Amino acid sequence: MEKHKKLHAFKYSAINSMIPVLIAFAIGAIAIIIANENPLNAYGMMFAKSLFDLKGIFQTLHVAGPLILTGLAIAISFKAGLFNMGIEGQLISAGFVVAVVGNKLGHLPSGILVPLLLVIGVLVGVLVAVIPTFLKAFYNVNEMVVTLLMNYAIVLVLEYLTSNIFRDPSSGYVSTPRISSNAIPSRLFEDYRVTTFFIVVIAVFIAFYFIMNKSVLGYEITALGKNRHFSEATGMKIQKKIIIIMLTSGALAGLAGAGWLMADKYVYTLSFSGTPGLGWDGMLIALLGNHSPIGILIAAIFYAVIKTGNQNIAIFTNVPSEIVVLLQAFIVLFLSLKVFVKPKDTNQIKEKKGES
């Protein structure tokens, strides 16, 4: 009976995630028609080059790596009823620090430097998350406001540091010096971009899955999100759980920033995270995946398909690359609407009628 209920809930969750995507693609098709292109050809190019081509598949997995982590970072906080909106700031802070340290410690062997930088990235993400965590846990300050404001402050601070103190004078644009080759994770296959960082991502994903579905902590996170006052009444140490959840969220964001810098960017630039940013992309992925680990994995790969295929659309058609931003905006818009609402359990309805 319990398994049937879970399957029923998964079905409606999947429908509520798919419908917004289909609507967004339908509206995107109108924009493509305005650009005097065939939507079927454009979308076909998007998926063919990123999902049905070996090189494209590995590129998609490469792009999906940090998206999986930012999706999990958002999910663990949102699942607990906490709103860590500072994933973007935590991610770019880790990327910046890893860029600087990866250049300064370039003399270290790769076997030491790569794990060290990933750990540094995690620690930076945790440190940036400490302030909103402390304020929320001990003074119940709204974490959404604090983390959002910190994002803007962090962007400005890193912009100054990158443009002045840590700027690479030999570069034609604003950036830090390039990290050492010893700081770059090795590729899994010589001709494809996916690196050993993706293995780290999968290991983190597996650990996260078991924590959320098989551990006491996972149960407590879910319970905290559903009813904080009831959880506190049952003896749960709310302050401790808030600290664990918020810092874990920051750690995942920091790992994403470090890995993306080391595996793809190699220098920190003012556009390091992209537009709208990997942290904000993680929010879309968490919503699309309904905050479940498996859902996030699927959503991250799907979104990576769109981002990877978007480059091919811009090359082989007249459709502007901004089509992905348009699709993202409409997906978020329609995700806020529950197209199909899960029906109430008929047994519960009968029981309530009997009571009345």
Protein backbone atom coordinates (compact mmCIF):
# COMPACT_ATOMS: atom_id res chain seq x y z
CA MET A 1 0.00 0.00 0.00
CA GLU A 2 2.80 2.40 0.93
CA LYS A 3 4.66 1.57 -2.28
CA HIS A 4 1.49 2.25 -4.28
CA LYS A 5 1.12 5.67 -2.63
CA LYS A 6 4.73 6.58 -3.42
CA LEU A 7 4.30 5.51 -7.05
CA HIS A 8 1.09 7.54 -7.28
CA ALA A 9 2.84 10.61 -5.82
CA PHE A 10 5.80 10.18 -8.19
CA LYS A 11 3.44 10.03 -11.17
CA TYR A 12 1.78 13.35 -10.35
CA SER A 13 5.13 14.92 -9.48
CA ALA A 14 6.51 13.85 -12.87
CA ILE A 15 3.47 15.27 -14.67
CA ASN A 16 3.75 18.58 -12.83
CA SER A 17 7.41 18.79 -13.90
CA MET A 18 6.87 17.79 -17.53
CA ILE A 19 3.94 20.05 -18.34
CA PRO A 20 5.81 23.34 -17.65
CA VAL A 21 8.70 22.13 -19.81
CA LEU A 22 6.38 21.30 -22.71
CA ILE A 23 4.62 24.68 -22.42
CA ALA A 24 7.98 26.48 -22.33
CA PHE A 25 9.16 24.64 -25.44
CA ALA A 26 5.89 25.49 -27.20
CA ILE A 27 6.36 29.21 -26.46
CA GLY A 28 10.02 28.90 -27.45
CA ALA A 29 8.86 27.48 -30.79
CA ILE A 30 7.00 30.75 -31.44
CA ALA A 31 10.23 32.71 -30.87
CA ILE A 32 12.06 30.38 -33.25
CA ILE A 33 9.40 30.88 -35.92
CA ILE A 34 9.81 34.66 -35.53
CA ALA A 35 13.54 34.09 -36.24
CA ASN A 36 12.44 32.47 -39.56
CA GLU A 37 13.57 29.01 -38.48
CA ASN A 38 11.77 25.69 -38.20
CA PRO A 39 11.27 24.84 -34.49
CA LEU A 40 11.46 21.10 -35.19
CA ASN A 41 14.81 21.53 -36.93
CA ALA A 42 16.14 23.80 -34.16
CA TYR A 43 15.04 21.52 -31.31
CA GLY A 44 16.20 18.51 -33.30
CA MET A 45 19.64 20.09 -33.61
CA MET A 46 19.63 20.84 -29.86
CA PHE A 47 18.98 17.25 -28.81
CA ALA A 48 20.86 15.49 -31.63
CA LYS A 49 24.15 17.22 -30.89
CA SER A 50 23.95 16.88 -27.11
CA LEU A 51 22.14 13.60 -26.50
CA PHE A 52 22.51 11.40 -29.56
CA ASP A 53 26.17 12.01 -30.29
CA LEU A 54 28.96 10.42 -28.23
CA LYS A 55 30.98 13.62 -27.97
CA GLY A 56 27.81 15.53 -27.17
CA ILE A 57 26.80 13.08 -24.43
CA PHE A 58 30.11 13.46 -22.61
CA GLN A 59 29.95 17.24 -23.00
CA THR A 60 26.44 17.14 -21.52
CA LEU A 61 27.66 15.12 -18.52
CA HIS A 62 30.55 17.57 -18.10
CA VAL A 63 28.12 20.51 -17.95
CA ALA A 64 25.70 18.57 -15.72
CA GLY A 65 28.30 18.03 -12.95
CA PRO A 66 28.05 21.39 -11.14
CA LEU A 67 24.32 21.58 -11.92
CA ILE A 68 23.72 18.36 -10.00
CA LEU A 69 25.59 19.77 -7.01
CA THR A 70 23.81 23.14 -7.01
CA GLY A 71 20.48 21.36 -7.40
CA LEU A 72 21.26 19.21 -4.36
CA ALA A 73 22.46 22.29 -2.45
CA ILE A 74 19.13 24.01 -3.03
CA ALA A 75 17.11 20.85 -2.38
CA ILE A 76 18.57 20.00 1.03
CA SER A 77 17.72 23.45 2.38
CA PHE A 78 14.32 23.81 0.71
CA LYS A 79 13.33 20.29 1.82
CA ALA A 80 13.89 21.39 5.42
CA GLY A 81 11.87 24.58 4.99
CA LEU A 82 15.04 26.69 4.86
CA PHE A 83 15.76 28.96 1.92
CA ASN A 84 19.44 29.21 1.16
CA MET A 85 19.36 31.70 -1.72
CA GLY A 86 23.10 32.23 -1.42
CA ILE A 87 24.20 29.26 -3.53
CA GLU A 88 25.46 31.59 -6.26
CA GLY A 89 27.60 33.62 -3.85
CA GLN A 90 29.00 30.52 -2.18
CA LEU A 91 29.80 28.98 -5.57
CA ILE A 92 31.64 31.96 -7.04
CA SER A 93 33.55 32.54 -3.78
CA ALA A 94 34.86 28.98 -3.95
CA GLY A 95 35.72 29.39 -7.62
CA PHE A 96 37.69 32.57 -6.95
CA VAL A 97 39.68 31.16 -4.01
CA VAL A 98 40.45 27.94 -5.87
CA ALA A 99 41.63 29.97 -8.88
CA VAL A 100 44.08 31.95 -6.74
CA VAL A 101 45.33 28.96 -4.71
CA GLY A 102 45.47 26.73 -7.79
CA ASN A 103 47.90 29.19 -9.32
CA LYS A 104 50.01 29.78 -6.19
CA LEU A 105 50.39 26.09 -5.31
CA GLY A 106 50.98 24.92 -8.86
CA HIS A 107 54.25 23.23 -7.84
CA LEU A 108 52.37 20.51 -5.94
CA PRO A 109 51.78 17.19 -7.72
CA SER A 110 48.35 16.69 -9.26
CA GLY A 111 47.47 13.81 -6.93
CA ILE A 112 47.73 16.18 -3.97
CA LEU A 113 46.68 19.50 -5.51
CA VAL A 114 43.39 18.41 -7.12
CA PRO A 115 41.86 16.89 -3.94
CA LEU A 116 43.26 19.77 -1.87
CA LEU A 117 41.56 22.38 -4.07
CA LEU A 118 38.24 20.52 -3.94
CA VAL A 119 38.45 20.47 -0.15
CA ILE A 120 39.32 24.19 -0.14
CA GLY A 121 36.27 24.84 -2.32
CA VAL A 122 34.05 22.97 0.15
CA LEU A 123 35.49 24.92 3.09
CA VAL A 124 34.99 28.26 1.35
CA GLY A 125 31.36 27.37 0.63
CA VAL A 126 30.88 26.48 4.29
CA LEU A 127 32.56 29.70 5.51
CA VAL A 128 30.39 31.90 3.30
CA ALA A 129 27.30 30.08 4.63
CA VAL A 130 28.32 30.58 8.29
CA ILE A 131 26.87 34.10 8.71
CA PRO A 132 23.30 33.35 7.50
CA THR A 133 23.42 30.00 9.31
CA PHE A 134 24.39 31.59 12.63
CA LEU A 135 21.76 34.33 12.30
CA LYS A 136 19.04 31.82 11.44
CA ALA A 137 19.91 29.22 14.07
CA PHE A 138 20.38 31.55 17.03
CA TYR A 139 18.35 34.67 16.21
CA ASN A 140 15.78 33.34 13.69
CA VAL A 141 16.78 36.01 11.16
CA ASN A 142 15.20 35.43 7.75
CA GLU A 143 17.85 33.42 5.88
CA MET A 144 16.35 34.25 2.48
CA VAL A 145 16.97 37.98 2.92
CA VAL A 146 20.48 37.53 4.34
CA THR A 147 21.66 35.10 1.65
CA LEU A 148 20.19 37.17 -1.18
CA LEU A 149 21.89 40.34 0.02
CA MET A 150 25.17 38.51 0.54
CA ASN A 151 25.14 37.42 -3.11
CA TYR A 152 25.31 41.03 -4.29
CA ALA A 153 28.01 41.94 -1.76
CA ILE A 154 30.13 38.93 -2.74
CA VAL A 155 29.84 39.75 -6.46
CA LEU A 156 31.11 43.30 -5.85
CA VAL A 157 33.98 42.19 -3.59
CA LEU A 158 35.15 39.54 -6.06
CA GLU A 159 34.83 42.00 -8.93
CA TYR A 160 37.19 44.38 -7.12
CA LEU A 161 39.68 41.65 -6.20
CA THR A 162 39.70 40.18 -9.70
CA SER A 163 40.01 43.59 -11.37
CA ASN A 164 42.80 44.83 -9.11
CA ILE A 165 44.76 42.76 -6.56
CA PHE A 166 44.56 39.34 -8.25
CA ARG A 167 44.23 40.40 -11.88
CA ASP A 168 46.39 38.66 -14.46
CA PRO A 169 48.27 41.53 -16.18
CA SER A 170 49.00 39.38 -19.23
CA SER A 171 45.32 38.70 -19.90
CA GLY A 172 43.35 40.73 -22.40
CA TYR A 173 40.27 40.64 -20.17
CA VAL A 174 39.62 40.80 -16.42
CA SER A 175 40.61 37.48 -14.87
CA THR A 176 42.85 35.84 -12.30
CA PRO A 177 46.00 34.04 -13.46
CA ARG A 178 45.40 30.58 -14.93
CA ILE A 179 45.59 27.67 -12.52
CA SER A 180 48.47 25.23 -12.86
CA SER A 181 48.06 22.23 -15.13
CA ASN A 182 48.54 20.11 -11.99
CA ALA A 183 45.30 21.60 -10.65
CA ILE A 184 43.20 20.39 -13.59
CA PRO A 185 41.42 17.03 -13.07
CA SER A 186 42.38 14.43 -15.63
CA ARG A 187 39.93 13.57 -18.39
CA LEU A 188 38.14 10.23 -18.23
CA PHE A 189 38.64 9.84 -21.98
CA GLU A 190 41.27 11.62 -24.02
CA ASP A 191 38.95 13.02 -26.69
CA TYR A 192 36.11 14.10 -24.41
CA ARG A 193 35.85 16.94 -21.88
CA VAL A 194 34.30 15.05 -18.96
CA THR A 195 36.83 14.72 -16.13
CA THR A 196 37.29 12.83 -12.88
CA PHE A 197 35.36 15.65 -11.21
CA PHE A 198 32.20 14.04 -12.58
CA ILE A 199 33.04 10.87 -10.62
CA VAL A 200 33.23 13.02 -7.47
CA VAL A 201 29.81 14.45 -8.35
CA ILE A 202 28.29 10.98 -8.74
CA ALA A 203 29.83 9.85 -5.43
CA VAL A 204 28.31 12.89 -3.69
CA PHE A 205 24.97 12.21 -5.37
CA ILE A 206 24.93 8.58 -4.16
CA ALA A 207 25.78 9.67 -0.62
CA PHE A 208 23.07 12.34 -0.74
CA TYR A 209 20.52 9.81 -2.01
CA PHE A 210 21.15 7.43 0.87
CA ILE A 211 21.16 10.25 3.42
CA MET A 212 17.81 11.59 2.21
CA ASN A 213 16.10 8.21 1.79
CA LYS A 214 17.76 5.79 4.18
CA SER A 215 19.01 7.77 7.18
CA VAL A 216 17.57 9.36 10.30
CA LEU A 217 18.94 12.73 9.19
CA GLY A 218 17.00 12.47 5.94
CA TYR A 219 13.80 11.77 7.84
CA GLU A 220 14.48 14.69 10.17
CA ILE A 221 15.08 17.04 7.24
CA THR A 222 11.74 16.07 5.72
CA ALA A 223 9.95 16.35 9.08
CA LEU A 224 11.50 19.76 9.75
CA GLY A 225 10.29 21.02 6.39
CA LYS A 226 6.74 19.79 6.92
CA ASN A 227 6.23 21.02 10.46
CA ARG A 228 8.99 22.73 12.40
CA HIS A 229 6.97 23.17 15.60
CA PHE A 230 5.95 19.50 15.69
CA SER A 231 9.56 18.43 15.07
CA GLU A 232 10.70 20.61 17.95
CA ALA A 233 7.96 19.18 20.20
CA THR A 234 9.17 15.63 19.49
CA GLY A 235 12.62 16.49 20.84
CA MET A 236 14.47 17.33 17.63
CA LYS A 237 17.34 19.79 18.20
CA ILE A 238 16.25 22.41 15.68
CA GLN A 239 19.27 24.69 16.01
CA LYS A 240 21.69 21.84 15.41
CA LYS A 241 19.74 20.63 12.36
CA ILE A 242 19.60 24.13 10.87
CA ILE A 243 23.38 24.43 11.22
CA ILE A 244 23.99 21.01 9.62
CA ILE A 245 21.61 21.64 6.73
CA MET A 246 22.72 25.18 5.89
CA LEU A 247 26.43 24.37 6.08
CA THR A 248 25.96 21.21 4.01
CA SER A 249 24.16 23.29 1.41
CA GLY A 250 27.09 25.73 1.37
CA ALA A 251 29.58 22.85 1.11
CA LEU A 252 27.82 21.46 -1.98
CA ALA A 253 27.81 24.91 -3.59
CA GLY A 254 31.50 25.35 -2.82
CA LEU A 255 32.33 21.97 -4.33
CA ALA A 256 30.40 22.92 -7.47
CA GLY A 257 32.33 26.19 -7.80
CA ALA A 258 35.70 24.56 -7.25
CA GLY A 259 35.01 21.73 -9.68
CA TRP A 260 33.71 24.01 -12.41
CA LEU A 261 36.76 26.27 -12.12
CA MET A 262 39.19 23.35 -12.21
CA ALA A 263 37.47 21.23 -14.86
CA ASP A 264 36.26 23.89 -17.27
CA LYS A 265 37.17 27.57 -16.69
CA TYR A 266 40.75 27.42 -15.31
CA VAL A 267 40.61 31.17 -14.47
CA TYR A 268 38.13 33.23 -12.50
CA THR A 269 36.42 35.87 -14.63
CA LEU A 270 33.52 38.23 -13.97
CA SER A 271 31.35 35.88 -16.05
CA PHE A 272 32.65 32.72 -14.32
CA SER A 273 29.22 31.37 -13.36
CA GLY A 274 27.45 32.46 -16.54
CA THR A 275 24.04 34.09 -16.93
CA PRO A 276 21.89 33.74 -14.89
CA GLY A 277 24.48 31.66 -12.98
CA LEU A 278 24.99 28.07 -11.92
CA GLY A 279 23.50 28.76 -8.49
CA TRP A 280 20.28 30.09 -9.99
CA ASP A 281 20.25 27.20 -12.45
CA GLY A 282 20.39 24.90 -9.43
CA MET A 283 17.16 26.43 -8.15
CA LEU A 284 15.40 25.61 -11.42
CA ILE A 285 16.80 22.07 -11.34
CA ALA A 286 15.69 21.52 -7.74
CA LEU A 287 12.18 22.72 -8.60
CA LEU A 288 12.08 20.64 -11.76
CA GLY A 289 13.29 17.57 -9.85
CA ASN A 290 10.78 18.19 -7.02
CA HIS A 291 13.68 18.32 -4.51
CA SER A 292 14.27 14.55 -4.81
CA PRO A 293 17.79 13.22 -5.60
CA ILE A 294 16.72 11.14 -8.62
CA GLY A 295 14.57 13.98 -9.94
CA ILE A 296 17.47 16.41 -9.59
CA LEU A 297 19.82 14.07 -11.45
CA ILE A 298 17.38 13.77 -14.36
CA ALA A 299 16.60 17.50 -14.35
CA ALA A 300 20.30 18.45 -14.29
CA ILE A 301 21.13 16.23 -17.25
CA PHE A 302 18.08 17.51 -19.13
CA TYR A 303 19.06 21.11 -18.49
CA ALA A 304 22.66 20.35 -19.48
CA VAL A 305 21.28 18.95 -22.75
CA ILE A 306 19.55 22.28 -23.38
CA LYS A 307 22.64 24.34 -22.50
CA THR A 308 24.96 22.16 -24.60
CA GLY A 309 22.56 21.96 -27.54
CA ASN A 310 22.01 25.70 -27.39
CA GLN A 311 25.55 26.28 -28.61
CA ASN A 312 24.86 24.13 -31.66
CA ILE A 313 21.62 25.98 -32.39
CA ALA A 314 23.52 29.27 -32.44
CA ILE A 315 26.14 27.78 -34.81
CA PHE A 316 23.94 25.89 -37.27
CA THR A 317 20.79 28.08 -37.31
CA ASN A 318 19.80 31.74 -37.10
CA VAL A 319 18.17 31.24 -33.70
CA PRO A 320 19.90 33.38 -31.03
CA SER A 321 21.54 31.57 -28.12
CA GLU A 322 19.31 33.51 -25.70
CA ILE A 323 16.58 30.96 -26.48
CA VAL A 324 17.78 28.97 -23.44
CA VAL A 325 17.23 31.97 -21.15
CA LEU A 326 13.72 32.26 -22.58
CA LEU A 327 13.03 28.57 -22.00
CA GLN A 328 14.37 28.79 -18.46
CA ALA A 329 12.20 31.80 -17.65
CA PHE A 330 9.02 30.11 -18.84
CA ILE A 331 9.86 26.83 -17.11
CA VAL A 332 10.24 28.67 -13.79
CA LEU A 333 7.02 30.62 -14.45
CA PHE A 334 4.94 27.53 -15.17
CA LEU A 335 6.58 25.44 -12.45
CA SER A 336 5.01 27.83 -9.96
CA LEU A 337 1.64 26.58 -11.16
CA LYS A 338 0.64 23.05 -10.22
CA VAL A 339 -1.02 21.98 -13.46
CA PHE A 340 -2.15 18.71 -11.96
CA VAL A 341 -2.80 18.51 -8.22
CA LYS A 342 -2.44 15.16 -6.50
CA PRO A 343 -5.92 13.98 -5.50
CA LYS A 344 -6.60 13.36 -1.85
CA ASP A 345 -6.50 9.82 -0.57
CA THR A 346 -10.01 8.36 -0.87
CA ASN A 347 -9.70 6.43 2.40
CA GLN A 348 -8.92 9.65 4.28
CA ILE A 349 -11.93 11.34 2.68
CA LYS A 350 -14.21 8.48 3.73
CA GLU A 351 -12.85 8.58 7.29
CA LYS A 352 -13.50 12.33 7.55
CA LYS A 353 -17.04 11.89 6.20
CA GLY A 354 -17.64 9.13 8.75
CA GLU A 355 -16.43 11.38 11.58
CA SER A 356 -18.71 14.19 10.52
